[in-house]
Structure formats: structure tokens, C-alpha cells
Amino acid sequence: MTVTRSILLFVLAAIAEIGGCWLVWQTVKENRGWQYAVCGVLALGAYGFVAALQPHASFGRVLAAYGGVFVAGSLAWGALVDGFRPTGWDLSGATVCLLGAALIIYQPRG
């Protein structure tokens, strides 16, 4: 159950962080209203709390592993929300990042 909970928290953190960044991007780059920026800042704050809910105690390890999730999640967000079409290189890179994240966070501990 711990691994399942951890994965769900990584996904939720990615939605909060990437979504928050996207909302701020919309404000700055697409001239959307300030409400987008406010919602983005709130989502980014929520990301910090969600990341802190990870069952692993090491801040550095959790954030390093989340980096791989962020890479893959950003490509997925771009594809689903902005119509971005990832290349095979993008997908290969995201796979390497996710494998690296799994090695960092789910390594056997003695």
C-alpha cells in the first residue's frame, strides 16, 4: 500500500505543480486574467503540501524522484492540454527519468 500511496501522491503533486505553472504561464504568455495567476500560486502552494505527504522521510530523495515524475508529467500535460506532440526522443527521455525516479525512491532499504 505504501508504494501505491506514494505513486498517487507523486501524480497529485505533478497535477498541482504543472497545473499551477500552466496557470501562471497563461497569465504571463497568453494575457489571461490575474485570476489565473492567483489560482496558479494556490496550486503551487498545494504542491508543496502534497509533496510533504510522501511516506519517505528524506526531502532530497523525494524531490529528486519527483523530478522524474515532473518531466514525464510535463510532457503528458502538454500533450493533453496544449496539443503538444511528444517525439520518440521525448518519450524515451521521460521513460529514463521515471526509471531513475523509481530507483531513487523505491530502492531496497536495509
PDB file of N, CA and C in Angstrom:
ATOM      1  N   MET A   1       0.813  -1.197   0.000  1.00  0.00           N
ATOM      2  CA  MET A   1       0.000   0.000   0.000  1.00  0.00           C
ATOM      3  C   MET A   1       0.859   1.266   0.000  1.00  0.00           C
ATOM      4  N   THR A   2       2.048   1.210   0.614  1.00  0.00           N
ATOM      5  CA  THR A   2       2.904   2.386   0.672  1.00  0.00           C
ATOM      6  C   THR A   2       3.341   2.831  -0.714  1.00  0.00           C
ATOM      7  N   VAL A   3       3.689   1.887  -1.588  1.00  0.00           N
ATOM      8  CA  VAL A   3       4.109   2.245  -2.940  1.00  0.00           C
ATOM      9  C   VAL A   3       2.936   2.852  -3.703  1.00  0.00           C
ATOM     10  N   THR A   4       1.758   2.267  -3.579  1.00  0.00           N
ATOM     11  CA  THR A   4       0.577   2.805  -4.254  1.00  0.00           C
ATOM     12  C   THR A   4       0.288   4.221  -3.772  1.00  0.00           C
ATOM     13  N   ARG A   5       0.338   4.426  -2.462  1.00  0.00           N
ATOM     14  CA  ARG A   5       0.098   5.765  -1.898  1.00  0.00           C
ATOM     15  C   ARG A   5       1.145   6.743  -2.415  1.00  0.00           C
ATOM     16  N   SER A   6       2.381   6.329  -2.437  1.00  0.00           N
ATOM     17  CA  SER A   6       3.470   7.180  -2.903  1.00  0.00           C
ATOM     18  C   SER A   6       3.268   7.584  -4.364  1.00  0.00           C
ATOM     19  N   ILE A   7       2.912   6.629  -5.202  1.00  0.00           N
ATOM     20  CA  ILE A   7       2.688   6.920  -6.623  1.00  0.00           C
ATOM     21  C   ILE A   7       1.527   7.890  -6.788  1.00  0.00           C
ATOM     22  N   LEU A   8       0.439   7.656  -6.060  1.00  0.00           N
ATOM     23  CA  LEU A   8      -0.708   8.578  -6.143  1.00  0.00           C
ATOM     24  C   LEU A   8      -0.327   9.987  -5.692  1.00  0.00           C
ATOM     25  N   LEU A   9       0.490  10.092  -4.654  1.00  0.00           N
ATOM     26  CA  LEU A   9       0.944  11.413  -4.205  1.00  0.00           C
ATOM     27  C   LEU A   9       1.842  12.076  -5.245  1.00  0.00           C
ATOM     28  N   PHE A  10       2.692  11.296  -5.910  1.00  0.00           N
ATOM     29  CA  PHE A  10       3.518  11.864  -6.978  1.00  0.00           C
ATOM     30  C   PHE A  10       2.638  12.395  -8.116  1.00  0.00           C
ATOM     31  N   VAL A  11       1.612  11.652  -8.474  1.00  0.00           N
ATOM     32  CA  VAL A  11       0.705  12.094  -9.549  1.00  0.00           C
ATOM     33  C   VAL A  11      -0.043  13.360  -9.132  1.00  0.00           C
ATOM     34  N   LEU A  12      -0.551  13.376  -7.900  1.00  0.00           N
ATOM     35  CA  LEU A  12      -1.258  14.553  -7.401  1.00  0.00           C
ATOM     36  C   LEU A  12      -0.324  15.763  -7.336  1.00  0.00           C
ATOM     37  N   ALA A  13       0.907  15.543  -6.891  1.00  0.00           N
ATOM     38  CA  ALA A  13       1.884  16.631  -6.843  1.00  0.00           C
ATOM     39  C   ALA A  13       2.157  17.171  -8.244  1.00  0.00           C
ATOM     40  N   ALA A  14       2.264  16.274  -9.216  1.00  0.00           N
ATOM     41  CA  ALA A  14       2.515  16.706 -10.590  1.00  0.00           C
ATOM     42  C   ALA A  14       1.353  17.538 -11.124  1.00  0.00           C
ATOM     43  N   ILE A  15       0.132  17.111 -10.851  1.00  0.00           N
ATOM     44  CA  ILE A  15      -1.025  17.875 -11.307  1.00  0.00           C
ATOM     45  C   ILE A  15      -1.018  19.267 -10.677  1.00  0.00           C
ATOM     46  N   ALA A  16      -0.727  19.342  -9.380  1.00  0.00           N
ATOM     47  CA  ALA A  16      -0.716  20.639  -8.696  1.00  0.00           C
ATOM     48  C   ALA A  16       0.404  21.535  -9.219  1.00  0.00           C
ATOM     49  N   GLU A  17       1.612  20.991  -9.335  1.00  0.00           N
ATOM     50  CA  GLU A  17       2.730  21.834  -9.756  1.00  0.00           C
ATOM     51  C   GLU A  17       2.644  22.222 -11.222  1.00  0.00           C
ATOM     52  N   ILE A  18       2.438  21.244 -12.065  1.00  0.00           N
ATOM     53  CA  ILE A  18       2.392  21.534 -13.503  1.00  0.00           C
ATOM     54  C   ILE A  18       1.171  22.392 -13.823  1.00  0.00           C
ATOM     55  N   GLY A  19       0.037  22.068 -13.198  1.00  0.00           N
ATOM     56  CA  GLY A  19      -1.161  22.884 -13.401  1.00  0.00           C
ATOM     57  C   GLY A  19      -0.965  24.309 -12.920  1.00  0.00           C
ATOM     58  N   GLY A  20      -0.312  24.463 -11.761  1.00  0.00           N
ATOM     59  CA  GLY A  20      -0.040  25.798 -11.243  1.00  0.00           C
ATOM     60  C   GLY A  20       0.870  26.587 -12.169  1.00  0.00           C
ATOM     61  N   CYS A  21       1.916  25.945 -12.641  1.00  0.00           N
ATOM     62  CA  CYS A  21       2.824  26.609 -13.581  1.00  0.00           C
ATOM     63  C   CYS A  21       2.099  26.977 -14.873  1.00  0.00           C
ATOM     64  N   TRP A  22       1.249  26.088 -15.345  1.00  0.00           N
ATOM     65  CA  TRP A  22       0.493  26.345 -16.573  1.00  0.00           C
ATOM     66  C   TRP A  22      -0.418  27.559 -16.391  1.00  0.00           C
ATOM     67  N   LEU A  23      -1.058  27.664 -15.230  1.00  0.00           N
ATOM     68  CA  LEU A  23      -1.940  28.806 -14.977  1.00  0.00           C
ATOM     69  C   LEU A  23      -1.160  30.123 -14.958  1.00  0.00           C
ATOM     70  N   VAL A  24       0.011  30.126 -14.325  1.00  0.00           N
ATOM     71  CA  VAL A  24       0.844  31.327 -14.333  1.00  0.00           C
ATOM     72  C   VAL A  24       1.306  31.629 -15.759  1.00  0.00           C
ATOM     73  N   TRP A  25       1.691  30.602 -16.483  1.00  0.00           N
ATOM     74  CA  TRP A  25       2.104  30.762 -17.890  1.00  0.00           C
ATOM     75  C   TRP A  25       0.979  31.406 -18.693  1.00  0.00           C
ATOM     76  N   GLN A  26      -0.236  30.952 -18.479  1.00  0.00           N
ATOM     77  CA  GLN A  26      -1.382  31.512 -19.199  1.00  0.00           C
ATOM     78  C   GLN A  26      -1.523  33.009 -18.910  1.00  0.00           C
ATOM     79  N   THR A  27      -1.274  33.400 -17.661  1.00  0.00           N
ATOM     80  CA  THR A  27      -1.369  34.809 -17.286  1.00  0.00           C
ATOM     81  C   THR A  27      -0.297  35.629 -17.993  1.00  0.00           C
ATOM     82  N   VAL A  28       0.926  35.148 -17.972  1.00  0.00           N
ATOM     83  CA  VAL A  28       2.054  35.915 -18.495  1.00  0.00           C
ATOM     84  C   VAL A  28       2.145  35.841 -20.018  1.00  0.00           C
ATOM     85  N   LYS A  29       2.047  34.648 -20.565  1.00  0.00           N
ATOM     86  CA  LYS A  29       2.289  34.459 -22.001  1.00  0.00           C
ATOM     87  C   LYS A  29       1.042  34.610 -22.867  1.00  0.00           C
ATOM     88  N   GLU A  30      -0.110  34.310 -22.303  1.00  0.00           N
ATOM     89  CA  GLU A  30      -1.348  34.317 -23.095  1.00  0.00           C
ATOM     90  C   GLU A  30      -2.287  35.445 -22.682  1.00  0.00           C
ATOM     91  N   ASN A  31      -1.791  36.336 -21.816  1.00  0.00           N
ATOM     92  CA  ASN A  31      -2.564  37.506 -21.381  1.00  0.00           C
ATOM     93  C   ASN A  31      -3.918  37.158 -20.777  1.00  0.00           C
ATOM     94  N   ARG A  32      -3.966  36.075 -20.023  1.00  0.00           N
ATOM     95  CA  ARG A  32      -5.183  35.735 -19.291  1.00  0.00           C
ATOM     96  C   ARG A  32      -5.267  36.619 -18.060  1.00  0.00           C
ATOM     97  N   GLY A  33      -6.385  36.614 -17.416  1.00  0.00           N
ATOM     98  CA  GLY A  33      -6.598  37.469 -16.248  1.00  0.00           C
ATOM     99  C   GLY A  33      -5.754  37.080 -15.052  1.00  0.00           C
ATOM    100  N   TRP A  34      -5.669  37.993 -14.101  1.00  0.00           N
ATOM    101  CA  TRP A  34      -4.893  37.780 -12.879  1.00  0.00           C
ATOM    102  C   TRP A  34      -5.437  36.605 -12.078  1.00  0.00           C
ATOM    103  N   GLN A  35      -6.711  36.246 -12.307  1.00  0.00           N
ATOM    104  CA  GLN A  35      -7.300  35.123 -11.586  1.00  0.00           C
ATOM    105  C   GLN A  35      -6.540  33.828 -11.894  1.00  0.00           C
ATOM    106  N   TYR A  36      -6.052  33.705 -13.109  1.00  0.00           N
ATOM    107  CA  TYR A  36      -5.260  32.528 -13.467  1.00  0.00           C
ATOM    108  C   TYR A  36      -4.000  32.462 -12.609  1.00  0.00           C
ATOM    109  N   ALA A  37      -3.338  33.611 -12.442  1.00  0.00           N
ATOM    110  CA  ALA A  37      -2.113  33.646 -11.649  1.00  0.00           C
ATOM    111  C   ALA A  37      -2.398  33.304 -10.195  1.00  0.00           C
ATOM    112  N   VAL A  38      -3.477  33.825  -9.647  1.00  0.00           N
ATOM    113  CA  VAL A  38      -3.822  33.537  -8.250  1.00  0.00           C
ATOM    114  C   VAL A  38      -4.078  32.042  -8.073  1.00  0.00           C
ATOM    115  N   CYS A  39      -4.844  31.471  -8.978  1.00  0.00           N
ATOM    116  CA  CYS A  39      -5.106  30.023  -8.907  1.00  0.00           C
ATOM    117  C   CYS A  39      -3.812  29.231  -9.076  1.00  0.00           C
ATOM    118  N   GLY A  40      -2.936  29.704  -9.948  1.00  0.00           N
ATOM    119  CA  GLY A  40      -1.659  29.040 -10.145  1.00  0.00           C
ATOM    120  C   GLY A  40      -0.805  29.059  -8.888  1.00  0.00           C
ATOM    121  N   VAL A  41      -0.752  30.200  -8.220  1.00  0.00           N
ATOM    122  CA  VAL A  41       0.026  30.307  -6.985  1.00  0.00           C
ATOM    123  C   VAL A  41      -0.555  29.387  -5.909  1.00  0.00           C
ATOM    124  N   LEU A  42      -1.870  29.327  -5.818  1.00  0.00           N
ATOM    125  CA  LEU A  42      -2.504  28.416  -4.847  1.00  0.00           C
ATOM    126  C   LEU A  42      -2.181  26.959  -5.168  1.00  0.00           C
ATOM    127  N   ALA A  43      -2.221  26.609  -6.448  1.00  0.00           N
ATOM    128  CA  ALA A  43      -1.893  25.233  -6.849  1.00  0.00           C
ATOM    129  C   ALA A  43      -0.436  24.912  -6.535  1.00  0.00           C
ATOM    130  N   LEU A  44       0.457  25.870  -6.762  1.00  0.00           N
ATOM    131  CA  LEU A  44       1.865  25.637  -6.456  1.00  0.00           C
ATOM    132  C   LEU A  44       2.080  25.461  -4.953  1.00  0.00           C
ATOM    133  N   GLY A  45       1.340  26.209  -4.156  1.00  0.00           N
ATOM    134  CA  GLY A  45       1.402  26.015  -2.707  1.00  0.00           C
ATOM    135  C   GLY A  45       0.892  24.644  -2.311  1.00  0.00           C
ATOM    136  N   ALA A  46      -0.194  24.209  -2.950  1.00  0.00           N
ATOM    137  CA  ALA A  46      -0.739  22.879  -2.668  1.00  0.00           C
ATOM    138  C   ALA A  46       0.277  21.797  -3.014  1.00  0.00           C
ATOM    139  N   TYR A  47       1.024  22.005  -4.088  1.00  0.00           N
ATOM    140  CA  TYR A  47       2.064  21.053  -4.469  1.00  0.00           C
ATOM    141  C   TYR A  47       3.042  20.819  -3.318  1.00  0.00           C
ATOM    142  N   GLY A  48       3.458  21.897  -2.669  1.00  0.00           N
ATOM    143  CA  GLY A  48       4.402  21.768  -1.560  1.00  0.00           C
ATOM    144  C   GLY A  48       3.865  20.903  -0.437  1.00  0.00           C
ATOM    145  N   PHE A  49       2.586  21.071  -0.138  1.00  0.00           N
ATOM    146  CA  PHE A  49       1.985  20.264   0.924  1.00  0.00           C
ATOM    147  C   PHE A  49       1.821  18.807   0.494  1.00  0.00           C
ATOM    148  N   VAL A  50       1.425  18.586  -0.747  1.00  0.00           N
ATOM    149  CA  VAL A  50       1.255  17.213  -1.239  1.00  0.00           C
ATOM    150  C   VAL A  50       2.603  16.487  -1.222  1.00  0.00           C
ATOM    151  N   ALA A  51       3.649  17.158  -1.653  1.00  0.00           N
ATOM    152  CA  ALA A  51       4.977  16.533  -1.659  1.00  0.00           C
ATOM    153  C   ALA A  51       5.397  16.142  -0.235  1.00  0.00           C
ATOM    154  N   ALA A  52       5.026  16.965   0.732  1.00  0.00           N
ATOM    155  CA  ALA A  52       5.384  16.682   2.125  1.00  0.00           C
ATOM    156  C   ALA A  52       4.631  15.477   2.696  1.00  0.00           C
ATOM    157  N   LEU A  53       3.581  15.041   2.031  1.00  0.00           N
ATOM    158  CA  LEU A  53       2.816  13.880   2.497  1.00  0.00           C
ATOM    159  C   LEU A  53       3.441  12.546   2.091  1.00  0.00           C
ATOM    160  N   GLN A  54       4.498  12.592   1.289  1.00  0.00           N
ATOM    161  CA  GLN A  54       5.161  11.350   0.882  1.00  0.00           C
ATOM    162  C   GLN A  54       5.590  10.578   2.127  1.00  0.00           C
ATOM    163  N   PRO A  55       5.448   9.249   2.107  1.00  0.00           N
ATOM    164  CA  PRO A  55       5.818   8.449   3.287  1.00  0.00           C
ATOM    165  C   PRO A  55       7.330   8.402   3.538  1.00  0.00           C
ATOM    166  N   HIS A  56       8.133   8.752   2.559  1.00  0.00           N
ATOM    167  CA  HIS A  56       9.584   8.729   2.724  1.00  0.00           C
ATOM    168  C   HIS A  56      10.027   9.980   3.468  1.00  0.00           C
ATOM    169  N   ALA A  57      11.004   9.834   4.343  1.00  0.00           N
ATOM    170  CA  ALA A  57      11.408  10.926   5.233  1.00  0.00           C
ATOM    171  C   ALA A  57      12.440  11.866   4.615  1.00  0.00           C
ATOM    172  N   SER A  58      13.115  11.457   3.568  1.00  0.00           N
ATOM    173  CA  SER A  58      14.211  12.244   3.011  1.00  0.00           C
ATOM    174  C   SER A  58      13.708  13.257   1.987  1.00  0.00           C
ATOM    175  N   PHE A  59      13.780  14.549   2.347  1.00  0.00           N
ATOM    176  CA  PHE A  59      13.346  15.618   1.444  1.00  0.00           C
ATOM    177  C   PHE A  59      14.077  15.536   0.108  1.00  0.00           C
ATOM    178  N   GLY A  60      15.396  15.417   0.161  1.00  0.00           N
ATOM    179  CA  GLY A  60      16.183  15.387  -1.064  1.00  0.00           C
ATOM    180  C   GLY A  60      15.823  14.225  -1.970  1.00  0.00           C
ATOM    181  N   ARG A  61      15.617  13.072  -1.368  1.00  0.00           N
ATOM    182  CA  ARG A  61      15.277  11.877  -2.154  1.00  0.00           C
ATOM    183  C   ARG A  61      13.891  12.028  -2.780  1.00  0.00           C
ATOM    184  N   VAL A  62      12.924  12.515  -2.017  1.00  0.00           N
ATOM    185  CA  VAL A  62      11.563  12.681  -2.541  1.00  0.00           C
ATOM    186  C   VAL A  62      11.559  13.681  -3.694  1.00  0.00           C
ATOM    187  N   LEU A  63      12.242  14.818  -3.514  1.00  0.00           N
ATOM    188  CA  LEU A  63      12.240  15.836  -4.563  1.00  0.00           C
ATOM    189  C   LEU A  63      13.027  15.391  -5.779  1.00  0.00           C
ATOM    190  N   ALA A  64      14.104  14.631  -5.575  1.00  0.00           N
ATOM    191  CA  ALA A  64      14.864  14.110  -6.711  1.00  0.00           C
ATOM    192  C   ALA A  64      14.009  13.141  -7.521  1.00  0.00           C
ATOM    193  N   ALA A  65      13.310  12.256  -6.836  1.00  0.00           N
ATOM    194  CA  ALA A  65      12.440  11.307  -7.537  1.00  0.00           C
ATOM    195  C   ALA A  65      11.296  12.041  -8.219  1.00  0.00           C
ATOM    196  N   TYR A  66      10.758  13.059  -7.544  1.00  0.00           N
ATOM    197  CA  TYR A  66       9.662  13.821  -8.150  1.00  0.00           C
ATOM    198  C   TYR A  66      10.117  14.498  -9.446  1.00  0.00           C
ATOM    199  N   GLY A  67      11.398  14.838  -9.529  1.00  0.00           N
ATOM    200  CA  GLY A  67      11.907  15.443 -10.763  1.00  0.00           C
ATOM    201  C   GLY A  67      11.620  14.581 -11.983  1.00  0.00           C
ATOM    202  N   GLY A  68      11.783  13.276 -11.845  1.00  0.00           N
ATOM    203  CA  GLY A  68      11.468  12.375 -12.960  1.00  0.00           C
ATOM    204  C   GLY A  68       9.996  12.363 -13.280  1.00  0.00           C
ATOM    205  N   VAL A  69       9.167  12.412 -12.243  1.00  0.00           N
ATOM    206  CA  VAL A  69       7.716  12.458 -12.442  1.00  0.00           C
ATOM    207  C   VAL A  69       7.334  13.768 -13.120  1.00  0.00           C
ATOM    208  N   PHE A  70       7.993  14.864 -12.724  1.00  0.00           N
ATOM    209  CA  PHE A  70       7.718  16.168 -13.318  1.00  0.00           C
ATOM    210  C   PHE A  70       8.015  16.171 -14.822  1.00  0.00           C
ATOM    211  N   VAL A  71       9.128  15.569 -15.214  1.00  0.00           N
ATOM    212  CA  VAL A  71       9.487  15.523 -16.639  1.00  0.00           C
ATOM    213  C   VAL A  71       8.400  14.796 -17.432  1.00  0.00           C
ATOM    214  N   ALA A  72       8.037  13.608 -16.990  1.00  0.00           N
ATOM    215  CA  ALA A  72       7.019  12.830 -17.703  1.00  0.00           C
ATOM    216  C   ALA A  72       5.662  13.529 -17.642  1.00  0.00           C
ATOM    217  N   GLY A  73       5.317  14.063 -16.472  1.00  0.00           N
ATOM    218  CA  GLY A  73       4.039  14.749 -16.307  1.00  0.00           C
ATOM    219  C   GLY A  73       3.933  15.989 -17.165  1.00  0.00           C
ATOM    220  N   SER A  74       5.028  16.714 -17.317  1.00  0.00           N
ATOM    221  CA  SER A  74       5.016  17.920 -18.146  1.00  0.00           C
ATOM    222  C   SER A  74       4.743  17.574 -19.605  1.00  0.00           C
ATOM    223  N   LEU A  75       5.351  16.514 -20.080  1.00  0.00           N
ATOM    224  CA  LEU A  75       5.093  16.087 -21.455  1.00  0.00           C
ATOM    225  C   LEU A  75       3.641  15.639 -21.618  1.00  0.00           C
ATOM    226  N   ALA A  76       3.132  14.905 -20.633  1.00  0.00           N
ATOM    227  CA  ALA A  76       1.736  14.451 -20.693  1.00  0.00           C
ATOM    228  C   ALA A  76       0.786  15.647 -20.657  1.00  0.00           C
ATOM    229  N   TRP A  77       1.055  16.619 -19.774  1.00  0.00           N
ATOM    230  CA  TRP A  77       0.210  17.817 -19.692  1.00  0.00           C
ATOM    231  C   TRP A  77       0.209  18.545 -21.039  1.00  0.00           C
ATOM    232  N   GLY A  78       1.396  18.715 -21.606  1.00  0.00           N
ATOM    233  CA  GLY A  78       1.497  19.391 -22.901  1.00  0.00           C
ATOM    234  C   GLY A  78       0.697  18.678 -23.975  1.00  0.00           C
ATOM    235  N   ALA A  79       0.746  17.365 -23.960  1.00  0.00           N
ATOM    236  CA  ALA A  79       0.010  16.585 -24.961  1.00  0.00           C
ATOM    237  C   ALA A  79      -1.500  16.676 -24.742  1.00  0.00           C
ATOM    238  N   LEU A  80      -1.923  16.584 -23.482  1.00  0.00           N
ATOM    239  CA  LEU A  80      -3.364  16.565 -23.183  1.00  0.00           C
ATOM    240  C   LEU A  80      -4.008  17.946 -23.207  1.00  0.00           C
ATOM    241  N   VAL A  81      -3.279  18.956 -22.759  1.00  0.00           N
ATOM    242  CA  VAL A  81      -3.880  20.283 -22.593  1.00  0.00           C
ATOM    243  C   VAL A  81      -3.521  21.235 -23.732  1.00  0.00           C
ATOM    244  N   ASP A  82      -2.280  21.182 -24.204  1.00  0.00           N
ATOM    245  CA  ASP A  82      -1.827  22.140 -25.214  1.00  0.00           C
ATOM    246  C   ASP A  82      -1.688  21.561 -26.622  1.00  0.00           C
ATOM    247  N   GLY A  83      -1.982  20.296 -26.797  1.00  0.00           N
ATOM    248  CA  GLY A  83      -1.878  19.706 -28.127  1.00  0.00           C
ATOM    249  C   GLY A  83      -0.443  19.444 -28.576  1.00  0.00           C
ATOM    250  N   PHE A  84       0.494  19.462 -27.644  1.00  0.00           N
ATOM    251  CA  PHE A  84       1.899  19.167 -27.932  1.00  0.00           C
ATOM    252  C   PHE A  84       2.025  17.700 -28.316  1.00  0.00           C
ATOM    253  N   ARG A  85       2.832  17.414 -29.320  1.00  0.00           N
ATOM    254  CA  ARG A  85       3.044  16.028 -29.757  1.00  0.00           C
ATOM    255  C   ARG A  85       4.470  15.613 -29.417  1.00  0.00           C
ATOM    256  N   PRO A  86       4.627  14.817 -28.339  1.00  0.00           N
ATOM    257  CA  PRO A  86       5.985  14.396 -27.974  1.00  0.00           C
ATOM    258  C   PRO A  86       6.580  13.472 -29.030  1.00  0.00           C
ATOM    259  N   THR A  87       7.879  13.618 -29.218  1.00  0.00           N
ATOM    260  CA  THR A  87       8.592  12.749 -30.151  1.00  0.00           C
ATOM    261  C   THR A  87       8.987  11.462 -29.434  1.00  0.00           C
ATOM    262  N   GLY A  88       9.508  10.540 -30.184  1.00  0.00           N
ATOM    263  CA  GLY A  88      10.042   9.320 -29.588  1.00  0.00           C
ATOM    264  C   GLY A  88      11.171   9.634 -28.621  1.00  0.00           C
ATOM    265  N   TRP A  89      11.962  10.653 -28.937  1.00  0.00           N
ATOM    266  CA  TRP A  89      13.040  11.074 -28.043  1.00  0.00           C
ATOM    267  C   TRP A  89      12.464  11.606 -26.731  1.00  0.00           C
ATOM    268  N   ASP A  90      11.397  12.392 -26.821  1.00  0.00           N
ATOM    269  CA  ASP A  90      10.745  12.896 -25.608  1.00  0.00           C
ATOM    270  C   ASP A  90      10.271  11.739 -24.739  1.00  0.00           C
ATOM    271  N   LEU A  91       9.608  10.781 -25.368  1.00  0.00           N
ATOM    272  CA  LEU A  91       9.059   9.646 -24.623  1.00  0.00           C
ATOM    273  C   LEU A  91      10.168   8.770 -24.040  1.00  0.00           C
ATOM    274  N   SER A  92      11.242   8.591 -24.805  1.00  0.00           N
ATOM    275  CA  SER A  92      12.382   7.819 -24.296  1.00  0.00           C
ATOM    276  C   SER A  92      13.015   8.523 -23.102  1.00  0.00           C
ATOM    277  N   GLY A  93      13.187   9.818 -23.205  1.00  0.00           N
ATOM    278  CA  GLY A  93      13.755  10.586 -22.103  1.00  0.00           C
ATOM    279  C   GLY A  93      12.882  10.524 -20.866  1.00  0.00           C
ATOM    280  N   ALA A  94      11.564  10.632 -21.056  1.00  0.00           N
ATOM    281  CA  ALA A  94      10.635  10.553 -19.921  1.00  0.00           C
ATOM    282  C   ALA A  94      10.705   9.181 -19.265  1.00  0.00           C
ATOM    283  N   THR A  95      10.844   8.142 -20.065  1.00  0.00           N
ATOM    284  CA  THR A  95      10.952   6.790 -19.529  1.00  0.00           C
ATOM    285  C   THR A  95      12.217   6.648 -18.680  1.00  0.00           C
ATOM    286  N   VAL A  96      13.325   7.168 -19.183  1.00  0.00           N
ATOM    287  CA  VAL A  96      14.573   7.131 -18.416  1.00  0.00           C
ATOM    288  C   VAL A  96      14.398   7.883 -17.097  1.00  0.00           C
ATOM    289  N   CYS A  97      13.738   9.051 -17.154  1.00  0.00           N
ATOM    290  CA  CYS A  97      13.514   9.837 -15.934  1.00  0.00           C
ATOM    291  C   CYS A  97      12.658   9.077 -14.925  1.00  0.00           C
ATOM    292  N   LEU A  98      11.604   8.416 -15.395  1.00  0.00           N
ATOM    293  CA  LEU A  98      10.738   7.653 -14.484  1.00  0.00           C
ATOM    294  C   LEU A  98      11.472   6.456 -13.889  1.00  0.00           C
ATOM    295  N   LEU A  99      12.292   5.798 -14.703  1.00  0.00           N
ATOM    296  CA  LEU A  99      13.096   4.691 -14.169  1.00  0.00           C
ATOM    297  C   LEU A  99      14.071   5.201 -13.115  1.00  0.00           C
ATOM    298  N   GLY A 100      14.695   6.336 -13.381  1.00  0.00           N
ATOM    299  CA  GLY A 100      15.595   6.930 -12.399  1.00  0.00           C
ATOM    300  C   GLY A 100      14.864   7.293 -11.114  1.00  0.00           C
ATOM    301  N   ALA A 101      13.661   7.858 -11.258  1.00  0.00           N
ATOM    302  CA  ALA A 101      12.866   8.210 -10.080  1.00  0.00           C
ATOM    303  C   ALA A 101      12.549   6.969  -9.256  1.00  0.00           C
ATOM    304  N   ALA A 102      12.169   5.885  -9.927  1.00  0.00           N
ATOM    305  CA  ALA A 102      11.849   4.646  -9.222  1.00  0.00           C
ATOM    306  C   ALA A 102      13.070   4.101  -8.494  1.00  0.00           C
ATOM    307  N   LEU A 103      14.238   4.174  -9.136  1.00  0.00           N
ATOM    308  CA  LEU A 103      15.466   3.713  -8.470  1.00  0.00           C
ATOM    309  C   LEU A 103      15.770   4.546  -7.226  1.00  0.00           C
ATOM    310  N   ILE A 104      15.547   5.845  -7.320  1.00  0.00           N
ATOM    311  CA  ILE A 104      15.845   6.728  -6.186  1.00  0.00           C
ATOM    312  C   ILE A 104      14.901   6.471  -5.013  1.00  0.00           C
ATOM    313  N   ILE A 105      13.630   6.405  -5.275  1.00  0.00           N
ATOM    314  CA  ILE A 105      12.647   6.392  -4.184  1.00  0.00           C
ATOM    315  C   ILE A 105      12.301   4.984  -3.697  1.00  0.00           C
ATOM    316  N   TYR A 106      12.373   4.011  -4.573  1.00  0.00           N
ATOM    317  CA  TYR A 106      11.940   2.656  -4.182  1.00  0.00           C
ATOM    318  C   TYR A 106      13.105   1.673  -4.053  1.00  0.00           C
ATOM    319  N   GLN A 107      14.321   2.177  -3.900  1.00  0.00           N
ATOM    320  CA  GLN A 107      15.465   1.287  -3.699  1.00  0.00           C
ATOM    321  C   GLN A 107      15.286   0.471  -2.428  1.00  0.00           C
ATOM    322  N   PRO A 108      15.834  -0.744  -2.399  1.00  0.00           N
ATOM    323  CA  PRO A 108      15.736  -1.543  -1.157  1.00  0.00           C
ATOM    324  C   PRO A 108      16.486  -0.819  -0.031  1.00  0.00           C
ATOM    325  N   ARG A 109      15.873  -0.822   1.103  1.00  0.00           N
ATOM    326  CA  ARG A 109      16.493  -0.186   2.271  1.00  0.00           C
ATOM    327  C   ARG A 109      16.744  -1.252   3.335  1.00  0.00           C
ATOM    328  N   GLY A 110      17.909  -1.174   3.929  1.00  0.00           N
ATOM    329  CA  GLY A 110      18.252  -2.185   4.923  1.00  0.00           C
ATOM    330  C   GLY A 110      18.136  -1.701   6.338  1.00  0.00           C
TER     331      GLY A 110
END
